[in-house]
Amino acid sequence: MKLRQPTDFLILEELEEKGRNVATNLAHHTGKSRKNVNTRLPLLEDYGLVQKIGPLSSLVCTRLRG
């Protein structure tokens, strides 16, 4: 597993602190672009660290796995 710092850790910290969230909010809270967050979320899901739990209308919610 290869997490790319700091984006992966920022995403995971935000999800741990706030719970489930969408990429737009994660981007805002981490200071990263939505595109960057949307690129990293599927990889974090592949590693078994996050789980998609949406869709919520047209948005996909993500949460920490576990």
PDB file of N, CA and C in Angstrom:
ATOM      1  N   MET A   1       0.853  -1.163   0.000  1.00  0.00           N
ATOM      2  CA  MET A   1       0.000   0.000   0.000  1.00  0.00           C
ATOM      3  C   MET A   1       0.902   1.230   0.000  1.00  0.00           C
ATOM      4  N   LYS A   2       0.563   2.161  -0.850  1.00  0.00           N
ATOM      5  CA  LYS A   2       1.365   3.377  -0.948  1.00  0.00           C
ATOM      6  C   LYS A   2       0.444   4.588  -0.872  1.00  0.00           C
ATOM      7  N   LEU A   3       0.361   5.182   0.320  1.00  0.00           N
ATOM      8  CA  LEU A   3      -0.437   6.389   0.475  1.00  0.00           C
ATOM      9  C   LEU A   3       0.411   7.580   0.081  1.00  0.00           C
ATOM     10  N   ARG A   4      -0.193   8.496  -0.663  1.00  0.00           N
ATOM     11  CA  ARG A   4       0.510   9.693  -1.098  1.00  0.00           C
ATOM     12  C   ARG A   4       0.254  10.800  -0.086  1.00  0.00           C
ATOM     13  N   GLN A   5       1.312  11.252   0.536  1.00  0.00           N
ATOM     14  CA  GLN A   5       1.170  12.315   1.520  1.00  0.00           C
ATOM     15  C   GLN A   5       1.180  13.656   0.830  1.00  0.00           C
ATOM     16  N   PRO A   6       0.541  14.669   1.322  1.00  0.00           N
ATOM     17  CA  PRO A   6      -0.322  14.628   2.493  1.00  0.00           C
ATOM     18  C   PRO A   6      -1.781  14.352   2.151  1.00  0.00           C
ATOM     19  N   THR A   7      -2.123  14.287   0.872  1.00  0.00           N
ATOM     20  CA  THR A   7      -3.538  14.211   0.474  1.00  0.00           C
ATOM     21  C   THR A   7      -4.262  13.022   1.092  1.00  0.00           C
ATOM     22  N   ASP A   8      -3.701  11.824   0.989  1.00  0.00           N
ATOM     23  CA  ASP A   8      -4.384  10.644   1.525  1.00  0.00           C
ATOM     24  C   ASP A   8      -4.620  10.782   3.020  1.00  0.00           C
ATOM     25  N   PHE A   9      -3.605  11.229   3.729  1.00  0.00           N
ATOM     26  CA  PHE A   9      -3.739  11.354   5.174  1.00  0.00           C
ATOM     27  C   PHE A   9      -4.715  12.463   5.560  1.00  0.00           C
ATOM     28  N   LEU A  10      -4.722  13.537   4.802  1.00  0.00           N
ATOM     29  CA  LEU A  10      -5.684  14.615   5.066  1.00  0.00           C
ATOM     30  C   LEU A  10      -7.116  14.121   4.861  1.00  0.00           C
ATOM     31  N   ILE A  11      -7.337  13.370   3.792  1.00  0.00           N
ATOM     32  CA  ILE A  11      -8.670  12.810   3.528  1.00  0.00           C
ATOM     33  C   ILE A  11      -9.088  11.888   4.664  1.00  0.00           C
ATOM     34  N   LEU A  12      -8.192  10.980   5.055  1.00  0.00           N
ATOM     35  CA  LEU A  12      -8.514  10.028   6.117  1.00  0.00           C
ATOM     36  C   LEU A  12      -8.753  10.734   7.452  1.00  0.00           C
ATOM     37  N   GLU A  13      -7.954  11.742   7.757  1.00  0.00           N
ATOM     38  CA  GLU A  13      -8.154  12.497   8.994  1.00  0.00           C
ATOM     39  C   GLU A  13      -9.493  13.208   8.995  1.00  0.00           C
ATOM     40  N   GLU A  14      -9.859  13.792   7.867  1.00  0.00           N
ATOM     41  CA  GLU A  14     -11.139  14.507   7.776  1.00  0.00           C
ATOM     42  C   GLU A  14     -12.309  13.538   7.937  1.00  0.00           C
ATOM     43  N   LEU A  15     -12.221  12.383   7.308  1.00  0.00           N
ATOM     44  CA  LEU A  15     -13.292  11.392   7.434  1.00  0.00           C
ATOM     45  C   LEU A  15     -13.372  10.859   8.862  1.00  0.00           C
ATOM     46  N   GLU A  16     -12.234  10.689   9.504  1.00  0.00           N
ATOM     47  CA  GLU A  16     -12.229  10.203  10.885  1.00  0.00           C
ATOM     48  C   GLU A  16     -12.849  11.237  11.824  1.00  0.00           C
ATOM     49  N   GLU A  17     -12.534  12.495  11.580  1.00  0.00           N
ATOM     50  CA  GLU A  17     -13.021  13.569  12.440  1.00  0.00           C
ATOM     51  C   GLU A  17     -14.500  13.875  12.216  1.00  0.00           C
ATOM     52  N   LYS A  18     -14.922  13.975  10.957  1.00  0.00           N
ATOM     53  CA  LYS A  18     -16.278  14.431  10.641  1.00  0.00           C
ATOM     54  C   LYS A  18     -17.246  13.315  10.257  1.00  0.00           C
ATOM     55  N   GLY A  19     -16.725  12.133   9.964  1.00  0.00           N
ATOM     56  CA  GLY A  19     -17.596  11.053   9.510  1.00  0.00           C
ATOM     57  C   GLY A  19     -17.803  11.124   8.003  1.00  0.00           C
ATOM     58  N   ARG A  20     -18.860  10.506   7.534  1.00  0.00           N
ATOM     59  CA  ARG A  20     -19.079  10.432   6.090  1.00  0.00           C
ATOM     60  C   ARG A  20     -19.158  11.815   5.467  1.00  0.00           C
ATOM     61  N   ASN A  21     -18.721  11.870   4.204  1.00  0.00           N
ATOM     62  CA  ASN A  21     -18.666  13.166   3.546  1.00  0.00           C
ATOM     63  C   ASN A  21     -18.576  12.968   2.042  1.00  0.00           C
ATOM     64  N   VAL A  22     -18.699  14.044   1.305  1.00  0.00           N
ATOM     65  CA  VAL A  22     -18.598  14.011  -0.155  1.00  0.00           C
ATOM     66  C   VAL A  22     -17.292  14.678  -0.579  1.00  0.00           C
ATOM     67  N   ALA A  23     -16.856  14.387  -1.795  1.00  0.00           N
ATOM     68  CA  ALA A  23     -15.567  14.870  -2.291  1.00  0.00           C
ATOM     69  C   ALA A  23     -15.463  16.387  -2.267  1.00  0.00           C
ATOM     70  N   THR A  24     -16.537  17.084  -2.586  1.00  0.00           N
ATOM     71  CA  THR A  24     -16.504  18.549  -2.592  1.00  0.00           C
ATOM     72  C   THR A  24     -16.157  19.084  -1.207  1.00  0.00           C
ATOM     73  N   ASN A  25     -16.800  18.548  -0.183  1.00  0.00           N
ATOM     74  CA  ASN A  25     -16.513  18.981   1.188  1.00  0.00           C
ATOM     75  C   ASN A  25     -15.108  18.561   1.613  1.00  0.00           C
ATOM     76  N   LEU A  26     -14.710  17.355   1.253  1.00  0.00           N
ATOM     77  CA  LEU A  26     -13.367  16.900   1.602  1.00  0.00           C
ATOM     78  C   LEU A  26     -12.311  17.802   0.968  1.00  0.00           C
ATOM     79  N   ALA A  27     -12.538  18.198  -0.263  1.00  0.00           N
ATOM     80  CA  ALA A  27     -11.603  19.092  -0.951  1.00  0.00           C
ATOM     81  C   ALA A  27     -11.521  20.430  -0.223  1.00  0.00           C
ATOM     82  N   HIS A  28     -12.658  20.955   0.155  1.00  0.00           N
ATOM     83  CA  HIS A  28     -12.690  22.238   0.854  1.00  0.00           C
ATOM     84  C   HIS A  28     -11.943  22.159   2.190  1.00  0.00           C
ATOM     85  N   HIS A  29     -12.203  21.112   2.954  1.00  0.00           N
ATOM     86  CA  HIS A  29     -11.607  20.988   4.287  1.00  0.00           C
ATOM     87  C   HIS A  29     -10.128  20.612   4.250  1.00  0.00           C
ATOM     88  N   THR A  30      -9.679  19.960   3.189  1.00  0.00           N
ATOM     89  CA  THR A  30      -8.266  19.562   3.098  1.00  0.00           C
ATOM     90  C   THR A  30      -7.422  20.572   2.332  1.00  0.00           C
ATOM     91  N   GLY A  31      -8.076  21.493   1.620  1.00  0.00           N
ATOM     92  CA  GLY A  31      -7.334  22.466   0.822  1.00  0.00           C
ATOM     93  C   GLY A  31      -6.829  21.891  -0.498  1.00  0.00           C
ATOM     94  N   LYS A  32      -7.328  20.733  -0.877  1.00  0.00           N
ATOM     95  CA  LYS A  32      -6.957  20.084  -2.139  1.00  0.00           C
ATOM     96  C   LYS A  32      -8.082  20.280  -3.151  1.00  0.00           C
ATOM     97  N   SER A  33      -7.781  20.060  -4.416  1.00  0.00           N
ATOM     98  CA  SER A  33      -8.821  20.204  -5.439  1.00  0.00           C
ATOM     99  C   SER A  33      -9.781  19.014  -5.381  1.00  0.00           C
ATOM    100  N   ARG A  34     -11.004  19.248  -5.839  1.00  0.00           N
ATOM    101  CA  ARG A  34     -11.991  18.159  -5.887  1.00  0.00           C
ATOM    102  C   ARG A  34     -11.508  17.051  -6.812  1.00  0.00           C
ATOM    103  N   LYS A  35     -10.861  17.433  -7.902  1.00  0.00           N
ATOM    104  CA  LYS A  35     -10.324  16.444  -8.842  1.00  0.00           C
ATOM    105  C   LYS A  35      -9.295  15.553  -8.149  1.00  0.00           C
ATOM    106  N   ASN A  36      -8.431  16.169  -7.351  1.00  0.00           N
ATOM    107  CA  ASN A  36      -7.412  15.405  -6.629  1.00  0.00           C
ATOM    108  C   ASN A  36      -8.060  14.453  -5.631  1.00  0.00           C
ATOM    109  N   VAL A  37      -9.032  14.938  -4.890  1.00  0.00           N
ATOM    110  CA  VAL A  37      -9.736  14.091  -3.916  1.00  0.00           C
ATOM    111  C   VAL A  37     -10.454  12.954  -4.632  1.00  0.00           C
ATOM    112  N   ASN A  38     -11.138  13.264  -5.740  1.00  0.00           N
ATOM    113  CA  ASN A  38     -11.848  12.224  -6.494  1.00  0.00           C
ATOM    114  C   ASN A  38     -10.900  11.194  -7.094  1.00  0.00           C
ATOM    115  N   THR A  39      -9.666  11.578  -7.352  1.00  0.00           N
ATOM    116  CA  THR A  39      -8.661  10.638  -7.848  1.00  0.00           C
ATOM    117  C   THR A  39      -8.190   9.716  -6.732  1.00  0.00           C
ATOM    118  N   ARG A  40      -8.057  10.260  -5.539  1.00  0.00           N
ATOM    119  CA  ARG A  40      -7.511   9.494  -4.420  1.00  0.00           C
ATOM    120  C   ARG A  40      -8.543   8.578  -3.755  1.00  0.00           C
ATOM    121  N   LEU A  41      -9.818   8.958  -3.731  1.00  0.00           N
ATOM    122  CA  LEU A  41     -10.827   8.161  -3.029  1.00  0.00           C
ATOM    123  C   LEU A  41     -10.937   6.722  -3.544  1.00  0.00           C
ATOM    124  N   PRO A  42     -10.957   6.479  -4.865  1.00  0.00           N
ATOM    125  CA  PRO A  42     -11.028   5.086  -5.315  1.00  0.00           C
ATOM    126  C   PRO A  42      -9.805   4.260  -4.897  1.00  0.00           C
ATOM    127  N   LEU A  43      -8.639   4.890  -4.832  1.00  0.00           N
ATOM    128  CA  LEU A  43      -7.448   4.176  -4.380  1.00  0.00           C
ATOM    129  C   LEU A  43      -7.533   3.843  -2.899  1.00  0.00           C
ATOM    130  N   LEU A  44      -8.034   4.783  -2.108  1.00  0.00           N
ATOM    131  CA  LEU A  44      -8.233   4.513  -0.689  1.00  0.00           C
ATOM    132  C   LEU A  44      -9.276   3.415  -0.492  1.00  0.00           C
ATOM    133  N   GLU A  45     -10.251   3.376  -1.378  1.00  0.00           N
ATOM    134  CA  GLU A  45     -11.260   2.309  -1.329  1.00  0.00           C
ATOM    135  C   GLU A  45     -10.620   0.965  -1.692  1.00  0.00           C
ATOM    136  N   ASP A  46      -9.766   0.953  -2.707  1.00  0.00           N
ATOM    137  CA  ASP A  46      -9.063  -0.278  -3.085  1.00  0.00           C
ATOM    138  C   ASP A  46      -8.200  -0.815  -1.943  1.00  0.00           C
ATOM    139  N   TYR A  47      -7.628   0.083  -1.152  1.00  0.00           N
ATOM    140  CA  TYR A  47      -6.809  -0.313  -0.004  1.00  0.00           C
ATOM    141  C   TYR A  47      -7.669  -0.763   1.175  1.00  0.00           C
ATOM    142  N   GLY A  48      -8.980  -0.608   1.052  1.00  0.00           N
ATOM    143  CA  GLY A  48      -9.884  -1.015   2.121  1.00  0.00           C
ATOM    144  C   GLY A  48      -9.978  -0.008   3.254  1.00  0.00           C
ATOM    145  N   LEU A  49      -9.594   1.243   2.988  1.00  0.00           N
ATOM    146  CA  LEU A  49      -9.588   2.262   4.034  1.00  0.00           C
ATOM    147  C   LEU A  49     -10.853   3.099   4.072  1.00  0.00           C
ATOM    148  N   VAL A  50     -11.520   3.257   2.942  1.00  0.00           N
ATOM    149  CA  VAL A  50     -12.772   4.006   2.886  1.00  0.00           C
ATOM    150  C   VAL A  50     -13.806   3.174   2.133  1.00  0.00           C
ATOM    151  N   GLN A  51     -15.043   3.559   2.273  1.00  0.00           N
ATOM    152  CA  GLN A  51     -16.141   2.838   1.642  1.00  0.00           C
ATOM    153  C   GLN A  51     -17.127   3.831   1.059  1.00  0.00           C
ATOM    154  N   LYS A  52     -17.542   3.602  -0.185  1.00  0.00           N
ATOM    155  CA  LYS A  52     -18.608   4.410  -0.783  1.00  0.00           C
ATOM    156  C   LYS A  52     -19.922   3.988  -0.163  1.00  0.00           C
ATOM    157  N   ILE A  53     -20.713   4.966   0.240  1.00  0.00           N
ATOM    158  CA  ILE A  53     -22.006   4.639   0.832  1.00  0.00           C
ATOM    159  C   ILE A  53     -23.133   5.417   0.183  1.00  0.00           C
ATOM    160  N   GLY A  54     -22.855   6.061  -0.967  1.00  0.00           N
ATOM    161  CA  GLY A  54     -23.855   6.847  -1.680  1.00  0.00           C
ATOM    162  C   GLY A  54     -24.555   5.979  -2.683  1.00  0.00           C
ATOM    163  N   PRO A  55     -25.156   6.520  -3.694  1.00  0.00           N
ATOM    164  CA  PRO A  55     -25.188   7.952  -3.955  1.00  0.00           C
ATOM    165  C   PRO A  55     -26.291   8.658  -3.181  1.00  0.00           C
ATOM    166  N   LEU A  56     -26.013   9.877  -2.893  1.00  0.00           N
ATOM    167  CA  LEU A  56     -26.967  10.767  -2.250  1.00  0.00           C
ATOM    168  C   LEU A  56     -27.313  11.788  -3.310  1.00  0.00           C
ATOM    169  N   SER A  57     -28.445  11.651  -3.938  1.00  0.00           N
ATOM    170  CA  SER A  57     -28.833  12.336  -5.177  1.00  0.00           C
ATOM    171  C   SER A  57     -27.728  12.055  -6.185  1.00  0.00           C
ATOM    172  N   SER A  58     -26.973  13.052  -6.631  1.00  0.00           N
ATOM    173  CA  SER A  58     -25.932  12.791  -7.617  1.00  0.00           C
ATOM    174  C   SER A  58     -24.542  12.758  -6.965  1.00  0.00           C
ATOM    175  N   LEU A  59     -24.480  12.882  -5.641  1.00  0.00           N
ATOM    176  CA  LEU A  59     -23.206  12.893  -4.938  1.00  0.00           C
ATOM    177  C   LEU A  59     -22.921  11.518  -4.340  1.00  0.00           C
ATOM    178  N   VAL A  60     -21.660  11.178  -4.227  1.00  0.00           N
ATOM    179  CA  VAL A  60     -21.268   9.917  -3.607  1.00  0.00           C
ATOM    180  C   VAL A  60     -20.640  10.235  -2.259  1.00  0.00           C
ATOM    181  N   CYS A  61     -21.209   9.700  -1.211  1.00  0.00           N
ATOM    182  CA  CYS A  61     -20.664   9.863   0.130  1.00  0.00           C
ATOM    183  C   CYS A  61     -19.605   8.809   0.369  1.00  0.00           C
ATOM    184  N   THR A  62     -18.630   9.156   1.165  1.00  0.00           N
ATOM    185  CA  THR A  62     -17.560   8.240   1.516  1.00  0.00           C
ATOM    186  C   THR A  62     -17.383   8.287   3.018  1.00  0.00           C
ATOM    187  N   ARG A  63     -17.013   7.157   3.598  1.00  0.00           N
ATOM    188  CA  ARG A  63     -16.722   7.118   5.030  1.00  0.00           C
ATOM    189  C   ARG A  63     -15.532   6.203   5.263  1.00  0.00           C
ATOM    190  N   LEU A  64     -14.945   6.311   6.450  1.00  0.00           N
ATOM    191  CA  LEU A  64     -13.886   5.395   6.825  1.00  0.00           C
ATOM    192  C   LEU A  64     -14.470   4.010   6.949  1.00  0.00           C
ATOM    193  N   ARG A  65     -13.741   3.042   6.540  1.00  0.00           N
ATOM    194  CA  ARG A  65     -14.200   1.667   6.635  1.00  0.00           C
ATOM    195  C   ARG A  65     -14.034   1.199   8.066  1.00  0.00           C
ATOM    196  N   GLY A  66     -14.983   0.413   8.519  1.00  0.00           N
ATOM    197  CA  GLY A  66     -14.787  -0.177   9.841  1.00  0.00           C
ATOM    198  C   GLY A  66     -15.871   0.035  10.784  1.00  0.00           C
TER     199      GLY A  66
END
